[in-house]
Amino acid sequence: MVKKVVLAVTGEIGAGKSTVARLFEELGALLLNADSIVAELWKSEELVALAVARWGPGILDGKGHVLSSHVAERLFSTKSEYEWGCSVIHPRVKREMCRLVEASDRWVVAEIPMLFEAGVPDWVTEIV
């Protein structure tokens, strides 16, 4: 069986990840963006419930949606909050990206800012 090519693009803020990823997309790759997936995950009932249980209902807007600025404020307030957030988000993002990779019939470019910090998934074949 031939393994699908999955190119992970990573780097610091402002390093050009999105620019490089879009160039590969123009060449025919399916583009997956970890930050976009995280934003969608924070809309899920599961993560909303976890966030409210952890930080209270003050992190929600009037419609019951998580306010990203409130989440960021709490996640980056202490090391333990940051570690909790990573433990909640990273596995879910990896699962969703894996699902999308498996469903694709094209080669894939995955833009993942915290690739090494979160652990390189086994479906990544190359890293830029």
N, C-alpha and C. Protein backbone atom coordinates (compact mmCIF):
# COMPACT_ATOMS: atom_id res chain seq x y z
N MET A 1 0.83 -1.18 0.00
CA MET A 1 0.00 0.00 0.00
C MET A 1 0.88 1.25 0.00
N VAL A 2 0.55 2.21 -0.84
CA VAL A 2 1.29 3.46 -0.91
C VAL A 2 0.71 4.42 0.11
N LYS A 3 1.58 4.97 0.91
CA LYS A 3 1.13 5.92 1.93
C LYS A 3 0.89 7.28 1.28
N LYS A 4 -0.19 7.94 1.68
CA LYS A 4 -0.53 9.27 1.17
C LYS A 4 0.52 10.28 1.65
N VAL A 5 0.87 11.23 0.79
CA VAL A 5 1.80 12.29 1.17
C VAL A 5 1.04 13.32 1.99
N VAL A 6 1.55 13.55 3.20
CA VAL A 6 1.00 14.58 4.07
C VAL A 6 2.15 15.45 4.53
N LEU A 7 2.17 16.67 4.03
CA LEU A 7 3.21 17.63 4.34
C LEU A 7 2.74 18.54 5.45
N ALA A 8 3.43 18.54 6.57
CA ALA A 8 3.11 19.44 7.68
C ALA A 8 3.95 20.70 7.54
N VAL A 9 3.30 21.84 7.62
CA VAL A 9 3.99 23.13 7.57
C VAL A 9 3.88 23.73 8.96
N THR A 10 5.02 24.06 9.54
CA THR A 10 5.03 24.57 10.92
C THR A 10 6.00 25.73 11.03
N GLY A 11 5.96 26.43 12.15
CA GLY A 11 6.87 27.54 12.39
C GLY A 11 6.25 28.55 13.33
N GLU A 12 7.05 29.52 13.67
CA GLU A 12 6.64 30.58 14.59
C GLU A 12 5.63 31.52 13.94
N ILE A 13 5.04 32.38 14.74
CA ILE A 13 4.13 33.41 14.24
C ILE A 13 4.89 34.28 13.24
N GLY A 14 4.29 34.51 12.10
CA GLY A 14 4.89 35.37 11.08
C GLY A 14 5.95 34.69 10.23
N ALA A 15 6.10 33.38 10.37
CA ALA A 15 7.15 32.66 9.64
C ALA A 15 6.77 32.39 8.18
N GLY A 16 5.51 32.57 7.82
CA GLY A 16 5.08 32.35 6.45
C GLY A 16 4.38 31.02 6.23
N LYS A 17 3.93 30.39 7.30
CA LYS A 17 3.24 29.09 7.19
C LYS A 17 2.06 29.16 6.23
N SER A 18 1.22 30.14 6.42
CA SER A 18 0.00 30.25 5.61
C SER A 18 0.33 30.50 4.14
N THR A 19 1.32 31.32 3.89
CA THR A 19 1.73 31.61 2.51
C THR A 19 2.22 30.34 1.83
N VAL A 20 3.09 29.61 2.50
CA VAL A 20 3.63 28.37 1.95
C VAL A 20 2.51 27.34 1.77
N ALA A 21 1.65 27.22 2.75
CA ALA A 21 0.56 26.25 2.67
C ALA A 21 -0.36 26.56 1.49
N ARG A 22 -0.69 27.84 1.29
CA ARG A 22 -1.55 28.22 0.17
C ARG A 22 -0.88 27.92 -1.17
N LEU A 23 0.42 28.09 -1.26
CA LEU A 23 1.14 27.76 -2.50
C LEU A 23 1.00 26.27 -2.82
N PHE A 24 1.13 25.43 -1.80
CA PHE A 24 0.95 23.99 -2.01
C PHE A 24 -0.51 23.68 -2.38
N GLU A 25 -1.43 24.41 -1.78
CA GLU A 25 -2.85 24.21 -2.12
C GLU A 25 -3.08 24.52 -3.61
N GLU A 26 -2.44 25.58 -4.10
CA GLU A 26 -2.56 25.94 -5.51
C GLU A 26 -2.00 24.84 -6.42
N LEU A 27 -1.09 24.03 -5.88
CA LEU A 27 -0.51 22.92 -6.65
C LEU A 27 -1.35 21.64 -6.54
N GLY A 28 -2.48 21.73 -5.86
CA GLY A 28 -3.41 20.59 -5.81
C GLY A 28 -3.58 19.90 -4.48
N ALA A 29 -2.92 20.38 -3.45
CA ALA A 29 -3.05 19.74 -2.13
C ALA A 29 -4.35 20.15 -1.45
N LEU A 30 -4.85 19.26 -0.63
CA LEU A 30 -5.92 19.62 0.29
C LEU A 30 -5.26 20.34 1.45
N LEU A 31 -5.72 21.53 1.76
CA LEU A 31 -5.14 22.32 2.84
C LEU A 31 -5.95 22.16 4.12
N LEU A 32 -5.29 21.72 5.18
CA LEU A 32 -5.89 21.63 6.51
C LEU A 32 -5.18 22.63 7.40
N ASN A 33 -5.94 23.41 8.15
CA ASN A 33 -5.37 24.43 9.02
C ASN A 33 -5.76 24.12 10.47
N ALA A 34 -4.78 23.82 11.29
CA ALA A 34 -5.04 23.46 12.68
C ALA A 34 -5.77 24.57 13.44
N ASP A 35 -5.39 25.83 13.19
CA ASP A 35 -6.04 26.93 13.90
C ASP A 35 -7.53 27.02 13.55
N SER A 36 -7.87 26.79 12.30
CA SER A 36 -9.28 26.80 11.89
C SER A 36 -10.05 25.66 12.54
N ILE A 37 -9.41 24.52 12.64
CA ILE A 37 -10.04 23.37 13.28
C ILE A 37 -10.25 23.65 14.77
N VAL A 38 -9.28 24.26 15.41
CA VAL A 38 -9.42 24.62 16.83
C VAL A 38 -10.62 25.56 17.01
N ALA A 39 -10.73 26.56 16.14
CA ALA A 39 -11.84 27.51 16.23
C ALA A 39 -13.18 26.78 16.11
N GLU A 40 -13.27 25.81 15.22
CA GLU A 40 -14.50 25.04 15.07
C GLU A 40 -14.76 24.16 16.30
N LEU A 41 -13.70 23.58 16.83
CA LEU A 41 -13.87 22.72 18.01
C LEU A 41 -14.42 23.50 19.20
N TRP A 42 -14.02 24.76 19.35
CA TRP A 42 -14.53 25.56 20.46
C TRP A 42 -16.00 25.87 20.32
N LYS A 43 -16.60 25.54 19.18
CA LYS A 43 -18.04 25.71 18.98
C LYS A 43 -18.81 24.44 19.36
N SER A 44 -18.09 23.35 19.57
CA SER A 44 -18.76 22.08 19.86
C SER A 44 -19.34 22.08 21.27
N GLU A 45 -20.45 21.38 21.43
CA GLU A 45 -21.09 21.28 22.74
C GLU A 45 -20.12 20.71 23.78
N GLU A 46 -19.33 19.74 23.34
CA GLU A 46 -18.39 19.08 24.26
C GLU A 46 -17.38 20.07 24.84
N LEU A 47 -16.74 20.86 23.97
CA LEU A 47 -15.74 21.80 24.48
C LEU A 47 -16.37 22.97 25.22
N VAL A 48 -17.53 23.40 24.78
CA VAL A 48 -18.22 24.47 25.51
C VAL A 48 -18.50 23.99 26.94
N ALA A 49 -18.99 22.77 27.07
CA ALA A 49 -19.29 22.22 28.41
C ALA A 49 -18.02 22.10 29.25
N LEU A 50 -16.94 21.63 28.65
CA LEU A 50 -15.68 21.52 29.40
C LEU A 50 -15.18 22.88 29.85
N ALA A 51 -15.27 23.87 28.95
CA ALA A 51 -14.80 25.22 29.28
C ALA A 51 -15.64 25.84 30.39
N VAL A 52 -16.95 25.69 30.31
CA VAL A 52 -17.82 26.25 31.35
C VAL A 52 -17.58 25.55 32.68
N ALA A 53 -17.38 24.24 32.65
CA ALA A 53 -17.09 23.51 33.89
C ALA A 53 -15.79 23.98 34.50
N ARG A 54 -14.83 24.33 33.67
CA ARG A 54 -13.51 24.75 34.15
C ARG A 54 -13.51 26.20 34.61
N TRP A 55 -14.12 27.10 33.81
CA TRP A 55 -13.98 28.54 34.04
C TRP A 55 -15.27 29.27 34.34
N GLY A 56 -16.37 28.58 34.28
CA GLY A 56 -17.65 29.22 34.57
C GLY A 56 -18.30 29.82 33.34
N PRO A 57 -19.58 30.21 33.48
CA PRO A 57 -20.35 30.72 32.34
C PRO A 57 -19.90 32.09 31.84
N GLY A 58 -19.03 32.76 32.56
CA GLY A 58 -18.54 34.08 32.14
C GLY A 58 -17.71 34.05 30.87
N ILE A 59 -17.35 32.86 30.39
CA ILE A 59 -16.58 32.79 29.14
C ILE A 59 -17.48 32.72 27.91
N LEU A 60 -18.81 32.76 28.15
CA LEU A 60 -19.76 32.67 27.04
C LEU A 60 -20.35 34.04 26.71
N ASP A 61 -20.71 34.19 25.44
CA ASP A 61 -21.44 35.39 25.05
C ASP A 61 -22.93 35.17 25.34
N GLY A 62 -23.77 36.10 24.98
CA GLY A 62 -25.20 36.01 25.24
C GLY A 62 -25.91 34.88 24.51
N LYS A 63 -25.24 34.31 23.50
CA LYS A 63 -25.84 33.21 22.73
C LYS A 63 -25.29 31.85 23.12
N GLY A 64 -24.45 31.83 24.14
CA GLY A 64 -23.89 30.56 24.60
C GLY A 64 -22.65 30.11 23.86
N HIS A 65 -22.05 31.01 23.08
CA HIS A 65 -20.82 30.70 22.37
C HIS A 65 -19.60 31.11 23.20
N VAL A 66 -18.56 30.32 23.09
CA VAL A 66 -17.32 30.62 23.80
C VAL A 66 -16.68 31.87 23.20
N LEU A 67 -16.30 32.79 24.06
CA LEU A 67 -15.59 34.00 23.62
C LEU A 67 -14.09 33.67 23.59
N SER A 68 -13.52 33.71 22.40
CA SER A 68 -12.13 33.30 22.26
C SER A 68 -11.18 34.16 23.10
N SER A 69 -11.49 35.44 23.25
CA SER A 69 -10.62 36.30 24.06
C SER A 69 -10.64 35.87 25.52
N HIS A 70 -11.79 35.42 26.01
CA HIS A 70 -11.90 34.95 27.40
C HIS A 70 -11.16 33.63 27.58
N VAL A 71 -11.29 32.76 26.59
CA VAL A 71 -10.56 31.48 26.64
C VAL A 71 -9.06 31.75 26.65
N ALA A 72 -8.60 32.60 25.75
CA ALA A 72 -7.16 32.90 25.66
C ALA A 72 -6.65 33.49 26.98
N GLU A 73 -7.44 34.39 27.57
CA GLU A 73 -7.05 35.00 28.83
C GLU A 73 -6.82 33.95 29.91
N ARG A 74 -7.70 32.98 29.96
CA ARG A 74 -7.58 31.93 30.96
C ARG A 74 -6.50 30.91 30.61
N LEU A 75 -6.45 30.51 29.34
CA LEU A 75 -5.45 29.52 28.94
C LEU A 75 -4.03 29.99 29.18
N PHE A 76 -3.80 31.28 28.98
CA PHE A 76 -2.45 31.79 29.11
C PHE A 76 -2.18 32.44 30.47
N SER A 77 -3.08 32.20 31.43
CA SER A 77 -2.92 32.81 32.75
C SER A 77 -1.90 32.07 33.62
N THR A 78 -1.85 30.75 33.49
CA THR A 78 -0.90 29.96 34.28
C THR A 78 -0.45 28.75 33.45
N LYS A 79 0.62 28.17 33.87
CA LYS A 79 1.12 26.98 33.19
C LYS A 79 0.12 25.84 33.27
N SER A 80 -0.51 25.68 34.41
CA SER A 80 -1.47 24.57 34.57
C SER A 80 -2.69 24.75 33.67
N GLU A 81 -3.16 25.99 33.50
CA GLU A 81 -4.30 26.23 32.60
C GLU A 81 -3.89 25.96 31.15
N TYR A 82 -2.70 26.38 30.80
CA TYR A 82 -2.19 26.14 29.44
C TYR A 82 -2.08 24.64 29.19
N GLU A 83 -1.53 23.92 30.13
CA GLU A 83 -1.38 22.47 29.97
C GLU A 83 -2.75 21.78 29.89
N TRP A 84 -3.71 22.26 30.69
CA TRP A 84 -5.06 21.70 30.60
C TRP A 84 -5.63 21.94 29.20
N GLY A 85 -5.51 23.17 28.72
CA GLY A 85 -6.03 23.50 27.39
C GLY A 85 -5.41 22.65 26.30
N CYS A 86 -4.10 22.48 26.36
CA CYS A 86 -3.41 21.64 25.37
C CYS A 86 -3.89 20.20 25.46
N SER A 87 -4.10 19.71 26.67
CA SER A 87 -4.55 18.32 26.83
C SER A 87 -5.97 18.12 26.29
N VAL A 88 -6.76 19.18 26.28
CA VAL A 88 -8.12 19.11 25.77
C VAL A 88 -8.15 19.29 24.25
N ILE A 89 -7.40 20.23 23.76
CA ILE A 89 -7.46 20.60 22.33
C ILE A 89 -6.63 19.70 21.43
N HIS A 90 -5.38 19.48 21.76
CA HIS A 90 -4.47 18.77 20.84
C HIS A 90 -4.98 17.40 20.40
N PRO A 91 -5.44 16.54 21.29
CA PRO A 91 -5.92 15.24 20.81
C PRO A 91 -7.12 15.36 19.87
N ARG A 92 -7.99 16.30 20.13
CA ARG A 92 -9.17 16.48 19.29
C ARG A 92 -8.79 17.01 17.90
N VAL A 93 -7.85 17.94 17.87
CA VAL A 93 -7.38 18.47 16.58
C VAL A 93 -6.71 17.36 15.78
N LYS A 94 -5.87 16.58 16.44
CA LYS A 94 -5.21 15.47 15.75
C LYS A 94 -6.22 14.48 15.18
N ARG A 95 -7.23 14.14 15.96
CA ARG A 95 -8.26 13.20 15.48
C ARG A 95 -8.99 13.75 14.27
N GLU A 96 -9.37 15.03 14.34
CA GLU A 96 -10.10 15.63 13.22
C GLU A 96 -9.22 15.72 11.98
N MET A 97 -7.97 16.11 12.16
CA MET A 97 -7.06 16.19 11.01
C MET A 97 -6.84 14.79 10.42
N CYS A 98 -6.68 13.81 11.26
CA CYS A 98 -6.51 12.44 10.79
C CYS A 98 -7.73 12.00 9.98
N ARG A 99 -8.91 12.30 10.48
CA ARG A 99 -10.14 11.95 9.77
C ARG A 99 -10.17 12.60 8.38
N LEU A 100 -9.79 13.87 8.32
CA LEU A 100 -9.80 14.59 7.05
C LEU A 100 -8.73 14.07 6.09
N VAL A 101 -7.57 13.72 6.63
CA VAL A 101 -6.49 13.13 5.81
C VAL A 101 -6.98 11.82 5.21
N GLU A 102 -7.54 10.96 6.04
CA GLU A 102 -8.00 9.65 5.57
C GLU A 102 -9.11 9.77 4.54
N ALA A 103 -9.95 10.80 4.67
CA ALA A 103 -11.06 10.97 3.74
C ALA A 103 -10.65 11.58 2.41
N SER A 104 -9.47 12.16 2.36
CA SER A 104 -9.03 12.85 1.15
C SER A 104 -8.48 11.88 0.11
N ASP A 105 -8.73 12.21 -1.14
CA ASP A 105 -8.14 11.44 -2.23
C ASP A 105 -6.97 12.19 -2.86
N ARG A 106 -6.53 13.25 -2.20
CA ARG A 106 -5.41 14.07 -2.68
C ARG A 106 -4.28 14.04 -1.66
N TRP A 107 -3.15 14.59 -2.05
CA TRP A 107 -2.10 14.80 -1.08
C TRP A 107 -2.52 15.97 -0.21
N VAL A 108 -1.94 16.05 0.97
CA VAL A 108 -2.44 16.98 1.98
C VAL A 108 -1.32 17.86 2.50
N VAL A 109 -1.66 19.11 2.73
CA VAL A 109 -0.78 20.04 3.45
C VAL A 109 -1.50 20.42 4.73
N ALA A 110 -0.86 20.17 5.84
CA ALA A 110 -1.44 20.47 7.15
C ALA A 110 -0.64 21.59 7.80
N GLU A 111 -1.28 22.72 7.96
CA GLU A 111 -0.64 23.86 8.62
C GLU A 111 -0.84 23.71 10.12
N ILE A 112 0.26 23.40 10.83
CA ILE A 112 0.18 23.09 12.25
C ILE A 112 1.24 23.89 13.01
N PRO A 113 0.84 25.02 13.60
CA PRO A 113 1.82 25.87 14.30
C PRO A 113 2.58 25.15 15.41
N MET A 114 1.92 24.32 16.20
CA MET A 114 2.57 23.68 17.35
C MET A 114 2.83 22.20 17.07
N LEU A 115 3.35 21.91 15.92
CA LEU A 115 3.54 20.52 15.49
C LEU A 115 4.41 19.73 16.47
N PHE A 116 5.56 20.26 16.82
CA PHE A 116 6.48 19.51 17.68
C PHE A 116 6.02 19.50 19.13
N GLU A 117 5.42 20.60 19.58
CA GLU A 117 4.92 20.68 20.95
C GLU A 117 3.78 19.69 21.18
N ALA A 118 2.94 19.52 20.16
CA ALA A 118 1.78 18.63 20.29
C ALA A 118 2.12 17.18 19.94
N GLY A 119 3.26 16.97 19.32
CA GLY A 119 3.65 15.63 18.89
C GLY A 119 3.29 15.41 17.44
N VAL A 120 4.25 15.02 16.65
CA VAL A 120 4.04 14.82 15.22
C VAL A 120 3.18 13.57 15.01
N PRO A 121 2.02 13.73 14.37
CA PRO A 121 1.16 12.57 14.11
C PRO A 121 1.84 11.58 13.16
N ASP A 122 1.49 10.30 13.27
CA ASP A 122 2.11 9.30 12.43
C ASP A 122 1.71 9.40 10.97
N TRP A 123 0.66 10.16 10.66
CA TRP A 123 0.24 10.31 9.28
C TRP A 123 1.00 11.41 8.55
N VAL A 124 1.83 12.17 9.24
CA VAL A 124 2.68 13.19 8.59
C VAL A 124 3.87 12.47 7.96
N THR A 125 4.06 12.73 6.65
CA THR A 125 5.17 12.07 5.95
C THR A 125 6.37 12.98 5.73
N GLU A 126 6.13 14.30 5.69
CA GLU A 126 7.20 15.29 5.48
C GLU A 126 6.90 16.53 6.31
N ILE A 127 7.94 17.27 6.67
CA ILE A 127 7.78 18.47 7.47
C ILE A 127 8.56 19.62 6.85
N VAL A 128 7.89 20.78 6.74
CA VAL A 128 8.55 22.01 6.26
C VAL A 128 8.46 23.01 7.41
